């Protein structure tokens, strides 16, 4: 089993996009840990595709159709959804990297932490940070 890239890795300036593509590819290859399966196309994946105005199933089909770079896939999203400008990218990155920090997703983050044995870690206050810590322990 393989883990997807860090949510902080960027493609075209966007955080998380590379991770979402990794999850699609790893799942198709049977290499994505089962803990990730229920969240494919949901949660942050859904927010990312909504921001790009592209459907997750359509993106998944495109990713699995050919051997393209992440940048080529992002360009395809821009052609079939909406092109993000610098401000759109900054808004996305600012919002998504803070998801779970004193917002409507905090309780869900606390559930994830508890299920991973990290409930005592008050320093983990965003989903991105949670992924980083939890996946380093799993690697």
C-alpha atoms as a PDB file:
ATOM      1  CA  UNK A   1       0.000   0.000   0.000  1.00  0.00           C
ATOM      2  CA  UNK A   2       1.105   3.520  -0.754  1.00  0.00           C
ATOM      3  CA  UNK A   3       0.121   6.849   0.727  1.00  0.00           C
ATOM      4  CA  UNK A   4      -0.823   9.871  -1.377  1.00  0.00           C
ATOM      5  CA  UNK A   5       1.379  12.945  -1.482  1.00  0.00           C
ATOM      6  CA  UNK A   6       1.166  15.630   1.150  1.00  0.00           C
ATOM      7  CA  UNK A   7      -1.892  17.877   0.910  1.00  0.00           C
ATOM      8  CA  UNK A   8       0.563  20.791   0.878  1.00  0.00           C
ATOM      9  CA  UNK A   9       2.107  19.686  -2.451  1.00  0.00           C
ATOM     10  CA  UNK A  10       1.071  22.086  -5.189  1.00  0.00           C
ATOM     11  CA  UNK A  11       0.118  21.794  -8.835  1.00  0.00           C
ATOM     12  CA  UNK A  12      -0.321  25.100 -10.630  1.00  0.00           C
ATOM     13  CA  UNK A  13      -0.125  26.801  -7.241  1.00  0.00           C
ATOM     14  CA  UNK A  14      -3.043  24.753  -5.837  1.00  0.00           C
ATOM     15  CA  UNK A  15      -2.587  22.739  -2.673  1.00  0.00           C
ATOM     16  CA  UNK A  16      -4.304  19.345  -2.410  1.00  0.00           C
ATOM     17  CA  UNK A  17      -4.805  18.764  -6.163  1.00  0.00           C
ATOM     18  CA  UNK A  18      -1.767  16.462  -6.379  1.00  0.00           C
ATOM     19  CA  UNK A  19      -2.996  14.460  -3.388  1.00  0.00           C
ATOM     20  CA  UNK A  20      -6.424  13.997  -4.946  1.00  0.00           C
ATOM     21  CA  UNK A  21      -4.862  12.713  -8.182  1.00  0.00           C
ATOM     22  CA  UNK A  22      -2.627  10.344  -6.209  1.00  0.00           C
ATOM     23  CA  UNK A  23      -5.647   8.917  -4.423  1.00  0.00           C
ATOM     24  CA  UNK A  24      -7.425   8.322  -7.732  1.00  0.00           C
ATOM     25  CA  UNK A  25      -4.403   6.601  -9.266  1.00  0.00           C
ATOM     26  CA  UNK A  26      -3.501   4.563  -6.192  1.00  0.00           C
ATOM     27  CA  UNK A  27      -7.077   3.379  -5.748  1.00  0.00           C
ATOM     28  CA  UNK A  28      -7.278   2.249  -9.376  1.00  0.00           C
ATOM     29  CA  UNK A  29      -4.009   0.344  -8.944  1.00  0.00           C
ATOM     30  CA  UNK A  30      -5.262  -1.316  -5.746  1.00  0.00           C
ATOM     31  CA  UNK A  31      -2.537   0.431  -3.744  1.00  0.00           C
ATOM     32  CA  UNK A  32      -4.559   2.945  -1.718  1.00  0.00           C
ATOM     33  CA  UNK A  33      -5.062   1.935   1.927  1.00  0.00           C
ATOM     34  CA  UNK A  34      -8.671   1.017   2.634  1.00  0.00           C
ATOM     35  CA  UNK A  35      -9.030   3.840   5.196  1.00  0.00           C
ATOM     36  CA  UNK A  36      -9.178   6.280   2.268  1.00  0.00           C
ATOM     37  CA  UNK A  37     -11.781   4.491   0.145  1.00  0.00           C
ATOM     38  CA  UNK A  38     -14.925   5.881   1.784  1.00  0.00           C
ATOM     39  CA  UNK A  39     -13.732   9.454   1.263  1.00  0.00           C
ATOM     40  CA  UNK A  40     -12.900   9.298  -2.437  1.00  0.00           C
ATOM     41  CA  UNK A  41     -14.781  12.089  -4.180  1.00  0.00           C
ATOM     42  CA  UNK A  42     -16.085  13.389  -0.846  1.00  0.00           C
ATOM     43  CA  UNK A  43     -14.832  15.848   1.740  1.00  0.00           C
ATOM     44  CA  UNK A  44     -11.908  17.856   0.435  1.00  0.00           C
ATOM     45  CA  UNK A  45     -12.006  16.026  -2.925  1.00  0.00           C
ATOM     46  CA  UNK A  46     -15.556  17.302  -3.393  1.00  0.00           C
ATOM     47  CA  UNK A  47     -14.600  20.811  -2.344  1.00  0.00           C
ATOM     48  CA  UNK A  48     -11.655  20.814  -4.754  1.00  0.00           C
ATOM     49  CA  UNK A  49     -13.723  19.638  -7.721  1.00  0.00           C
ATOM     50  CA  UNK A  50     -16.529  22.057  -6.811  1.00  0.00           C
ATOM     51  CA  UNK A  51     -14.043  24.930  -6.750  1.00  0.00           C
ATOM     52  CA  UNK A  52     -12.854  23.871 -10.203  1.00  0.00           C
ATOM     53  CA  UNK A  53     -16.474  23.344 -11.317  1.00  0.00           C
ATOM     54  CA  UNK A  54     -15.745  19.855 -12.593  1.00  0.00           C
ATOM     55  CA  UNK A  55     -17.426  16.651 -11.456  1.00  0.00           C
ATOM     56  CA  UNK A  56     -15.324  14.163  -9.529  1.00  0.00           C
ATOM     57  CA  UNK A  57     -16.481  11.184 -11.650  1.00  0.00           C
ATOM     58  CA  UNK A  58     -15.532  13.037 -14.821  1.00  0.00           C
ATOM     59  CA  UNK A  59     -12.138  13.983 -13.391  1.00  0.00           C
ATOM     60  CA  UNK A  60     -11.544  10.415 -12.228  1.00  0.00           C
ATOM     61  CA  UNK A  61     -12.389   9.063 -15.670  1.00  0.00           C
ATOM     62  CA  UNK A  62     -10.007  11.534 -17.286  1.00  0.00           C
ATOM     63  CA  UNK A  63      -7.175  10.774 -14.843  1.00  0.00           C
ATOM     64  CA  UNK A  64      -7.487   7.038 -15.468  1.00  0.00           C
ATOM     65  CA  UNK A  65      -7.917   7.404 -19.229  1.00  0.00           C
ATOM     66  CA  UNK A  66      -4.379   8.370 -20.048  1.00  0.00           C
ATOM     67  CA  UNK A  67      -0.862   8.941 -18.858  1.00  0.00           C
ATOM     68  CA  UNK A  68      -0.862  12.676 -18.251  1.00  0.00           C
ATOM     69  CA  UNK A  69       1.097  14.866 -15.900  1.00  0.00           C
ATOM     70  CA  UNK A  70      -0.647  16.567 -13.020  1.00  0.00           C
ATOM     71  CA  UNK A  71      -0.230  19.898 -14.794  1.00  0.00           C
ATOM     72  CA  UNK A  72      -1.895  18.542 -17.942  1.00  0.00           C
ATOM     73  CA  UNK A  73      -4.809  17.256 -15.868  1.00  0.00           C
ATOM     74  CA  UNK A  74      -5.191  20.629 -14.160  1.00  0.00           C
ATOM     75  CA  UNK A  75      -5.205  22.290 -17.572  1.00  0.00           C
ATOM     76  CA  UNK A  76      -7.929  19.852 -18.661  1.00  0.00           C
ATOM     77  CA  UNK A  77      -9.938  20.861 -15.570  1.00  0.00           C
ATOM     78  CA  UNK A  78      -9.542  24.500 -16.549  1.00  0.00           C
ATOM     79  CA  UNK A  79     -10.778  23.722 -20.060  1.00  0.00           C
ATOM     80  CA  UNK A  80     -13.815  21.744 -18.862  1.00  0.00           C
ATOM     81  CA  UNK A  81     -14.601  23.562 -15.616  1.00  0.00           C
ATOM     82  CA  UNK A  82     -13.419  27.005 -14.686  1.00  0.00           C
ATOM     83  CA  UNK A  83      -9.972  28.512 -14.870  1.00  0.00           C
ATOM     84  CA  UNK A  84      -8.721  29.751 -11.530  1.00  0.00           C
ATOM     85  CA  UNK A  85      -6.902  33.034 -11.327  1.00  0.00           C
ATOM     86  CA  UNK A  86      -4.299  33.987  -8.742  1.00  0.00           C
ATOM     87  CA  UNK A  87      -6.943  35.274  -6.323  1.00  0.00           C
ATOM     88  CA  UNK A  88      -9.059  32.106  -6.701  1.00  0.00           C
ATOM     89  CA  UNK A  89      -5.984  30.005  -5.937  1.00  0.00           C
ATOM     90  CA  UNK A  90      -5.068  32.146  -2.924  1.00  0.00           C
ATOM     91  CA  UNK A  91      -8.630  31.888  -1.587  1.00  0.00           C
ATOM     92  CA  UNK A  92      -8.650  28.097  -2.045  1.00  0.00           C
ATOM     93  CA  UNK A  93      -5.241  27.622  -0.426  1.00  0.00           C
ATOM     94  CA  UNK A  94      -6.100  29.913   2.479  1.00  0.00           C
ATOM     95  CA  UNK A  95      -9.439  28.216   3.108  1.00  0.00           C
ATOM     96  CA  UNK A  96      -8.493  24.589   2.705  1.00  0.00           C
ATOM     97  CA  UNK A  97      -5.212  24.654   4.644  1.00  0.00           C
ATOM     98  CA  UNK A  98      -7.140  25.958   7.671  1.00  0.00           C
ATOM     99  CA  UNK A  99     -10.056  23.498   7.468  1.00  0.00           C
ATOM    100  CA  UNK A 100     -10.829  22.277  10.975  1.00  0.00           C
ATOM    101  CA  UNK A 101      -9.372  25.314  12.743  1.00  0.00           C
ATOM    102  CA  UNK A 102     -12.201  26.644  14.926  1.00  0.00           C
ATOM    103  CA  UNK A 103     -14.837  26.147  12.236  1.00  0.00           C
ATOM    104  CA  UNK A 104     -17.793  23.874  11.493  1.00  0.00           C
ATOM    105  CA  UNK A 105     -15.355  21.002  10.769  1.00  0.00           C
ATOM    106  CA  UNK A 106     -13.523  21.110  14.115  1.00  0.00           C
ATOM    107  CA  UNK A 107     -15.693  18.396  15.667  1.00  0.00           C
ATOM    108  CA  UNK A 108     -15.072  16.106  12.702  1.00  0.00           C
ATOM    109  CA  UNK A 109     -11.323  16.708  12.960  1.00  0.00           C
ATOM    110  CA  UNK A 110     -11.479  15.772  16.647  1.00  0.00           C
ATOM    111  CA  UNK A 111     -13.240  12.513  15.677  1.00  0.00           C
ATOM    112  CA  UNK A 112     -10.485  11.698  13.186  1.00  0.00           C
ATOM    113  CA  UNK A 113      -7.819  12.451  15.772  1.00  0.00           C
ATOM    114  CA  UNK A 114      -9.524  10.260  18.363  1.00  0.00           C
ATOM    115  CA  UNK A 115      -9.848   7.342  15.938  1.00  0.00           C
ATOM    116  CA  UNK A 116      -6.129   7.610  15.194  1.00  0.00           C
ATOM    117  CA  UNK A 117      -5.000   7.825  18.807  1.00  0.00           C
ATOM    118  CA  UNK A 118      -4.150  11.511  18.447  1.00  0.00           C
ATOM    119  CA  UNK A 119      -6.918  12.989  20.600  1.00  0.00           C
ATOM    120  CA  UNK A 120      -4.364  14.388  23.059  1.00  0.00           C
ATOM    121  CA  UNK A 121      -2.564  16.358  20.318  1.00  0.00           C
ATOM    122  CA  UNK A 122      -3.917  19.903  20.678  1.00  0.00           C
ATOM    123  CA  UNK A 123      -1.214  21.093  18.272  1.00  0.00           C
ATOM    124  CA  UNK A 124      -3.042  19.303  15.428  1.00  0.00           C
ATOM    125  CA  UNK A 125      -5.692  21.879  14.603  1.00  0.00           C
ATOM    126  CA  UNK A 126      -6.298  21.474  10.856  1.00  0.00           C
ATOM    127  CA  UNK A 127      -7.026  18.531   8.606  1.00  0.00           C
ATOM    128  CA  UNK A 128      -3.835  19.168   6.626  1.00  0.00           C
ATOM    129  CA  UNK A 129      -1.749  18.965   9.784  1.00  0.00           C
ATOM    130  CA  UNK A 130      -3.652  15.859  10.862  1.00  0.00           C
ATOM    131  CA  UNK A 131      -2.888  14.148   7.529  1.00  0.00           C
ATOM    132  CA  UNK A 132       0.780  15.024   7.851  1.00  0.00           C
ATOM    133  CA  UNK A 133       1.116  13.652  11.393  1.00  0.00           C
ATOM    134  CA  UNK A 134      -1.105  10.589  10.936  1.00  0.00           C
ATOM    135  CA  UNK A 135       0.527   9.532   7.669  1.00  0.00           C
ATOM    136  CA  UNK A 136       4.074   9.954   8.964  1.00  0.00           C
ATOM    137  CA  UNK A 137       3.172   7.554  11.763  1.00  0.00           C
ATOM    138  CA  UNK A 138       1.720   5.086   9.241  1.00  0.00           C
ATOM    139  CA  UNK A 139       4.707   5.225   6.869  1.00  0.00           C
END
